Amino acid sequence: MGSLDPEIPTLLPSSEDLGYLDGRSAEITIPDLFDHARRGRVDTVFFGAAEVDAEGRTNMTASGSLDKPRTKFPGVAGAATLRQWVRRPVLLVPRQSRRNLVPEVQVATTRDPRRPVTLISDLGVFELGAFGARLLARHPWASEEHIAERTGFAFQVSEALSVTSLPDARTVAAIRAIDPHGYRDALVGA
């Protein structure tokens, strides 16, 4: 279940924390979310994954094979269909490495061959699809060489490669105010 317009003074340690329902104007159930997505009413959804390949396939299921998994991951939880229904699916990889940006995912949990998908990592922004991968932007602290060292698949570099902007002081203050415990640091590895 999710909430609309909750009163969130600070981030809570889990996205499942019931504190996110405090002060809400309405709630939305998982079936409601899927219904809205199917009708084209959901603009953007962020998806994580244990592995992502250059064509944008994700692995949220297991390492190894389905028959003999070495490690089981949290699972798809409906992402296979939701990803195809939302207008702008975005893949997030908080700590980019050759272990999570791979030549081919071990188990293809989600994919959408009809359109490219944006992937945002701690090093840059890629576009992934049937054409392969293209680096669109790098973050100021990451060189093209460093990104290549931490990417397990081949990628093209956009002719219009940009450098993302650092947040201004007001944005940094807002992030620190909503996350005084530094939960974001555990996610991206400060």
C-alpha atoms as a PDB file:
ATOM      1  CA  MET A   1       0.000   0.000   0.000  1.00  0.00           C
ATOM      2  CA  GLY A   2       1.163   3.511  -0.695  1.00  0.00           C
ATOM      3  CA  SER A   3      -0.013   6.950   0.296  1.00  0.00           C
ATOM      4  CA  LEU A   4      -0.789  10.206  -1.454  1.00  0.00           C
ATOM      5  CA  ASP A   5       0.515  13.454   0.019  1.00  0.00           C
ATOM      6  CA  PRO A   6       1.839  11.948   3.272  1.00  0.00           C
ATOM      7  CA  GLU A   7       3.417  14.131   5.925  1.00  0.00           C
ATOM      8  CA  ILE A   8       7.004  12.884   5.918  1.00  0.00           C
ATOM      9  CA  PRO A   9       9.262  14.968   8.153  1.00  0.00           C
ATOM     10  CA  THR A  10      12.208  12.582   7.618  1.00  0.00           C
ATOM     11  CA  LEU A  11      12.969   9.395   5.715  1.00  0.00           C
ATOM     12  CA  LEU A  12      12.249   6.148   7.482  1.00  0.00           C
ATOM     13  CA  PRO A  13      14.592   3.129   7.380  1.00  0.00           C
ATOM     14  CA  SER A  14      12.333   1.030   5.120  1.00  0.00           C
ATOM     15  CA  SER A  15      10.028   1.788   2.203  1.00  0.00           C
ATOM     16  CA  GLU A  16       7.563  -0.550   3.952  1.00  0.00           C
ATOM     17  CA  ASP A  17       7.455   1.561   7.146  1.00  0.00           C
ATOM     18  CA  LEU A  18       3.877   2.350   8.177  1.00  0.00           C
ATOM     19  CA  GLY A  19       5.015   5.854   9.124  1.00  0.00           C
ATOM     20  CA  TYR A  20       4.742   6.733   5.433  1.00  0.00           C
ATOM     21  CA  LEU A  21       0.954   6.505   5.824  1.00  0.00           C
ATOM     22  CA  ASP A  22       0.847   9.294   8.449  1.00  0.00           C
ATOM     23  CA  GLY A  23      -1.145  12.349   7.429  1.00  0.00           C
ATOM     24  CA  ARG A  24      -1.984  10.968   3.990  1.00  0.00           C
ATOM     25  CA  SER A  25      -4.825  12.416   1.957  1.00  0.00           C
ATOM     26  CA  ALA A  26      -5.509   9.012   0.363  1.00  0.00           C
ATOM     27  CA  GLU A  27      -3.972   5.599  -0.034  1.00  0.00           C
ATOM     28  CA  ILE A  28      -3.252   3.503  -3.080  1.00  0.00           C
ATOM     29  CA  THR A  29      -3.160  -0.276  -3.105  1.00  0.00           C
ATOM     30  CA  ILE A  30      -0.917  -2.402  -5.289  1.00  0.00           C
ATOM     31  CA  PRO A  31      -3.901  -3.444  -7.488  1.00  0.00           C
ATOM     32  CA  ASP A  32      -4.760   0.275  -7.865  1.00  0.00           C
ATOM     33  CA  LEU A  33      -1.189   1.030  -8.922  1.00  0.00           C
ATOM     34  CA  PHE A  34      -1.278  -1.667 -11.591  1.00  0.00           C
ATOM     35  CA  ASP A  35      -4.702  -0.511 -12.786  1.00  0.00           C
ATOM     36  CA  HIS A  36      -3.497   3.087 -13.120  1.00  0.00           C
ATOM     37  CA  ALA A  37      -0.317   1.957 -14.893  1.00  0.00           C
ATOM     38  CA  ARG A  38      -2.268  -0.206 -17.347  1.00  0.00           C
ATOM     39  CA  ARG A  39      -4.469   2.788 -18.188  1.00  0.00           C
ATOM     40  CA  GLY A  40      -1.413   4.976 -18.836  1.00  0.00           C
ATOM     41  CA  ARG A  41      -1.776   7.060 -15.672  1.00  0.00           C
ATOM     42  CA  VAL A  42       1.675   6.373 -14.192  1.00  0.00           C
ATOM     43  CA  ASP A  43       4.491   8.517 -15.532  1.00  0.00           C
ATOM     44  CA  THR A  44       7.664   7.188 -13.912  1.00  0.00           C
ATOM     45  CA  VAL A  45       8.644   4.184 -11.812  1.00  0.00           C
ATOM     46  CA  PHE A  46      12.165   3.499 -10.544  1.00  0.00           C
ATOM     47  CA  PHE A  47      13.303  -0.128 -10.610  1.00  0.00           C
ATOM     48  CA  GLY A  48      16.352  -1.613  -8.942  1.00  0.00           C
ATOM     49  CA  ALA A  49      18.033  -4.821 -10.071  1.00  0.00           C
ATOM     50  CA  ALA A  50      20.853  -7.136  -9.081  1.00  0.00           C
ATOM     51  CA  GLU A  51      22.022  -7.258 -12.713  1.00  0.00           C
ATOM     52  CA  VAL A  52      21.375  -5.169 -15.836  1.00  0.00           C
ATOM     53  CA  ASP A  53      22.690  -5.808 -19.345  1.00  0.00           C
ATOM     54  CA  ALA A  54      23.255  -3.500 -22.322  1.00  0.00           C
ATOM     55  CA  GLU A  55      19.820  -4.259 -23.789  1.00  0.00           C
ATOM     56  CA  GLY A  56      18.096  -3.238 -20.554  1.00  0.00           C
ATOM     57  CA  ARG A  57      17.169  -6.691 -19.325  1.00  0.00           C
ATOM     58  CA  THR A  58      17.183  -6.936 -15.535  1.00  0.00           C
ATOM     59  CA  ASN A  59      17.728  -9.756 -13.072  1.00  0.00           C
ATOM     60  CA  MET A  60      15.731  -9.472  -9.860  1.00  0.00           C
ATOM     61  CA  THR A  61      15.382 -13.222  -9.356  1.00  0.00           C
ATOM     62  CA  ALA A  62      18.593 -15.174  -8.670  1.00  0.00           C
ATOM     63  CA  SER A  63      22.272 -15.652  -9.385  1.00  0.00           C
ATOM     64  CA  GLY A  64      23.122 -18.857 -11.178  1.00  0.00           C
ATOM     65  CA  SER A  65      20.120 -20.495 -12.815  1.00  0.00           C
ATOM     66  CA  LEU A  66      16.482 -20.905 -11.894  1.00  0.00           C
ATOM     67  CA  ASP A  67      17.073 -24.653 -11.532  1.00  0.00           C
ATOM     68  CA  LYS A  68      20.031 -24.252  -9.170  1.00  0.00           C
ATOM     69  CA  PRO A  69      20.173 -20.697  -7.840  1.00  0.00           C
ATOM     70  CA  ARG A  70      23.274 -19.744  -5.861  1.00  0.00           C
ATOM     71  CA  THR A  71      21.533 -16.732  -4.341  1.00  0.00           C
ATOM     72  CA  LYS A  72      17.863 -15.795  -4.457  1.00  0.00           C
ATOM     73  CA  PHE A  73      17.022 -12.096  -4.785  1.00  0.00           C
ATOM     74  CA  PRO A  74      13.837 -10.366  -3.556  1.00  0.00           C
ATOM     75  CA  GLY A  75      12.026 -11.124  -6.818  1.00  0.00           C
ATOM     76  CA  VAL A  76      10.057  -9.393  -9.488  1.00  0.00           C
ATOM     77  CA  ALA A  77       6.988  -8.290  -7.449  1.00  0.00           C
ATOM     78  CA  GLY A  78       5.114  -7.381 -10.622  1.00  0.00           C
ATOM     79  CA  ALA A  79       7.926  -5.369 -12.206  1.00  0.00           C
ATOM     80  CA  ALA A  80       7.834  -7.434 -15.423  1.00  0.00           C
ATOM     81  CA  THR A  81       4.425  -6.030 -16.361  1.00  0.00           C
ATOM     82  CA  LEU A  82       4.634  -2.692 -14.569  1.00  0.00           C
ATOM     83  CA  ARG A  83       7.811  -1.785 -16.453  1.00  0.00           C
ATOM     84  CA  GLN A  84       6.013  -2.202 -19.783  1.00  0.00           C
ATOM     85  CA  TRP A  85       3.000  -0.128 -18.740  1.00  0.00           C
ATOM     86  CA  VAL A  86       4.538   3.004 -17.203  1.00  0.00           C
ATOM     87  CA  ARG A  87       5.497   5.872 -19.483  1.00  0.00           C
ATOM     88  CA  ARG A  88       9.084   6.222 -18.274  1.00  0.00           C
ATOM     89  CA  PRO A  89      10.626   3.252 -16.489  1.00  0.00           C
ATOM     90  CA  VAL A  90      14.000   4.130 -14.970  1.00  0.00           C
ATOM     91  CA  LEU A  91      16.555   1.583 -13.772  1.00  0.00           C
ATOM     92  CA  LEU A  92      18.652   2.501 -10.718  1.00  0.00           C
ATOM     93  CA  VAL A  93      22.006   0.967  -9.849  1.00  0.00           C
ATOM     94  CA  PRO A  94      23.353   2.748  -6.745  1.00  0.00           C
ATOM     95  CA  ARG A  95      26.849   1.193  -6.859  1.00  0.00           C
ATOM     96  CA  GLN A  96      27.901   0.508 -10.432  1.00  0.00           C
ATOM     97  CA  SER A  97      30.285  -2.412 -10.945  1.00  0.00           C
ATOM     98  CA  ARG A  98      31.058  -5.193 -13.400  1.00  0.00           C
ATOM     99  CA  ARG A  99      28.985  -7.454 -11.129  1.00  0.00           C
ATOM    100  CA  ASN A 100      25.752  -5.539 -11.708  1.00  0.00           C
ATOM    101  CA  LEU A 101      26.257  -4.085 -15.218  1.00  0.00           C
ATOM    102  CA  VAL A 102      26.911  -7.372 -16.985  1.00  0.00           C
ATOM    103  CA  PRO A 103      27.297  -8.674 -20.558  1.00  0.00           C
ATOM    104  CA  GLU A 104      24.176 -10.827 -20.090  1.00  0.00           C
ATOM    105  CA  VAL A 105      21.900 -11.199 -17.076  1.00  0.00           C
ATOM    106  CA  GLN A 106      21.857 -14.685 -15.548  1.00  0.00           C
ATOM    107  CA  VAL A 107      18.051 -14.672 -15.271  1.00  0.00           C
ATOM    108  CA  ALA A 108      15.998 -12.236 -17.379  1.00  0.00           C
ATOM    109  CA  THR A 109      13.356 -11.006 -14.950  1.00  0.00           C
ATOM    110  CA  THR A 110      12.207  -7.884 -16.829  1.00  0.00           C
ATOM    111  CA  ARG A 111      12.733  -6.545 -20.311  1.00  0.00           C
ATOM    112  CA  ASP A 112      10.971  -4.263 -22.743  1.00  0.00           C
ATOM    113  CA  PRO A 113      12.338  -4.677 -26.279  1.00  0.00           C
ATOM    114  CA  ARG A 114       9.878  -2.075 -27.647  1.00  0.00           C
ATOM    115  CA  ARG A 115      11.700   0.971 -26.298  1.00  0.00           C
ATOM    116  CA  PRO A 116      14.942   2.114 -24.713  1.00  0.00           C
ATOM    117  CA  VAL A 117      15.218   2.553 -20.962  1.00  0.00           C
ATOM    118  CA  THR A 118      17.239   5.015 -18.888  1.00  0.00           C
ATOM    119  CA  LEU A 119      19.676   3.643 -16.317  1.00  0.00           C
ATOM    120  CA  ILE A 120      21.037   5.942 -13.603  1.00  0.00           C
ATOM    121  CA  SER A 121      24.032   4.840 -11.545  1.00  0.00           C
ATOM    122  CA  ASP A 122      26.393   6.479  -9.094  1.00  0.00           C
ATOM    123  CA  LEU A 123      28.730   7.147 -12.048  1.00  0.00           C
ATOM    124  CA  GLY A 124      26.490   8.274 -14.892  1.00  0.00           C
ATOM    125  CA  VAL A 125      23.382   7.954 -17.044  1.00  0.00           C
ATOM    126  CA  PHE A 126      22.961   5.346 -19.795  1.00  0.00           C
ATOM    127  CA  GLU A 127      20.341   4.603 -22.416  1.00  0.00           C
ATOM    128  CA  LEU A 128      19.862   0.851 -22.906  1.00  0.00           C
ATOM    129  CA  GLY A 129      17.934  -1.031 -25.569  1.00  0.00           C
ATOM    130  CA  ALA A 130      17.993  -3.378 -28.550  1.00  0.00           C
ATOM    131  CA  PHE A 131      20.765  -1.182 -30.034  1.00  0.00           C
ATOM    132  CA  GLY A 132      22.987  -1.797 -26.987  1.00  0.00           C
ATOM    133  CA  ALA A 133      24.123   0.771 -24.430  1.00  0.00           C
ATOM    134  CA  ARG A 134      24.989   4.429 -24.800  1.00  0.00           C
ATOM    135  CA  LEU A 135      26.509   6.632 -22.096  1.00  0.00           C
ATOM    136  CA  LEU A 136      24.510   9.884 -22.145  1.00  0.00           C
ATOM    137  CA  ALA A 137      26.042  11.684 -19.165  1.00  0.00           C
ATOM    138  CA  ARG A 138      28.677  11.203 -16.516  1.00  0.00           C
ATOM    139  CA  HIS A 139      28.695  12.552 -13.000  1.00  0.00           C
ATOM    140  CA  PRO A 140      31.446  15.119 -12.229  1.00  0.00           C
ATOM    141  CA  TRP A 141      33.450  12.654 -10.101  1.00  0.00           C
ATOM    142  CA  ALA A 142      33.488   9.920 -12.790  1.00  0.00           C
ATOM    143  CA  SER A 143      35.662   9.914 -15.905  1.00  0.00           C
ATOM    144  CA  GLU A 144      34.760   7.940 -19.025  1.00  0.00           C
ATOM    145  CA  GLU A 145      37.675   5.624 -18.240  1.00  0.00           C
ATOM    146  CA  HIS A 146      36.460   4.979 -14.687  1.00  0.00           C
ATOM    147  CA  ILE A 147      32.948   4.267 -15.969  1.00  0.00           C
ATOM    148  CA  ALA A 148      34.342   1.809 -18.545  1.00  0.00           C
ATOM    149  CA  GLU A 149      36.359   0.050 -15.819  1.00  0.00           C
ATOM    150  CA  ARG A 150      33.179  -0.431 -13.767  1.00  0.00           C
ATOM    151  CA  THR A 151      30.923  -1.553 -16.647  1.00  0.00           C
ATOM    152  CA  GLY A 152      30.686  -5.202 -17.684  1.00  0.00           C
ATOM    153  CA  PHE A 153      29.257  -4.523 -21.141  1.00  0.00           C
ATOM    154  CA  ALA A 154      30.449  -2.530 -24.133  1.00  0.00           C
ATOM    155  CA  PHE A 155      28.834   0.865 -24.625  1.00  0.00           C
ATOM    156  CA  GLN A 156      28.964   3.790 -26.997  1.00  0.00           C
ATOM    157  CA  VAL A 157      29.596   7.301 -25.735  1.00  0.00           C
ATOM    158  CA  SER A 158      27.096   9.898 -26.894  1.00  0.00           C
ATOM    159  CA  GLU A 159      28.561  12.611 -29.106  1.00  0.00           C
ATOM    160  CA  ALA A 160      26.675  15.028 -26.872  1.00  0.00           C
ATOM    161  CA  LEU A 161      28.039  13.488 -23.650  1.00  0.00           C
ATOM    162  CA  SER A 162      27.210  15.834 -20.814  1.00  0.00           C
ATOM    163  CA  VAL A 163      28.303  16.157 -17.210  1.00  0.00           C
ATOM    164  CA  THR A 164      25.495  16.156 -14.673  1.00  0.00           C
ATOM    165  CA  SER A 165      25.145  19.240 -12.508  1.00  0.00           C
ATOM    166  CA  LEU A 166      25.996  19.181  -8.841  1.00  0.00           C
ATOM    167  CA  PRO A 167      23.033  20.043  -6.613  1.00  0.00           C
ATOM    168  CA  ASP A 168      22.829  23.612  -5.371  1.00  0.00           C
ATOM    169  CA  ALA A 169      23.052  24.463  -1.652  1.00  0.00           C
ATOM    170  CA  ARG A 170      19.259  24.609  -1.257  1.00  0.00           C
ATOM    171  CA  THR A 171      18.836  21.099  -2.690  1.00  0.00           C
ATOM    172  CA  VAL A 172      21.624  19.693  -0.498  1.00  0.00           C
ATOM    173  CA  ALA A 173      20.016  21.299   2.570  1.00  0.00           C
ATOM    174  CA  ALA A 174      16.625  19.782   1.670  1.00  0.00           C
ATOM    175  CA  ILE A 175      18.152  16.312   1.245  1.00  0.00           C
ATOM    176  CA  ARG A 176      19.980  16.582   4.574  1.00  0.00           C
ATOM    177  CA  ALA A 177      16.789  17.770   6.286  1.00  0.00           C
ATOM    178  CA  ILE A 178      14.679  14.860   5.056  1.00  0.00           C
ATOM    179  CA  ASP A 179      17.484  12.312   5.612  1.00  0.00           C
ATOM    180  CA  PRO A 180      19.232  13.380   8.847  1.00  0.00           C
ATOM    181  CA  HIS A 181      20.212   9.759   9.616  1.00  0.00           C
ATOM    182  CA  GLY A 182      22.069   9.321   6.309  1.00  0.00           C
ATOM    183  CA  TYR A 183      20.057   6.380   4.968  1.00  0.00           C
ATOM    184  CA  ARG A 184      21.043   7.466   1.445  1.00  0.00           C
ATOM    185  CA  ASP A 185      24.710   6.853   2.297  1.00  0.00           C
ATOM    186  CA  ALA A 186      23.989   3.180   3.013  1.00  0.00           C
ATOM    187  CA  LEU A 187      22.244   2.929  -0.358  1.00  0.00           C
ATOM    188  CA  VAL A 188      24.965   4.472  -2.495  1.00  0.00           C
ATOM    189  CA  GLY A 189      28.024   3.938  -0.327  1.00  0.00           C
ATOM    190  CA  ALA A 190      29.258   7.308   0.817  1.00  0.00           C
END
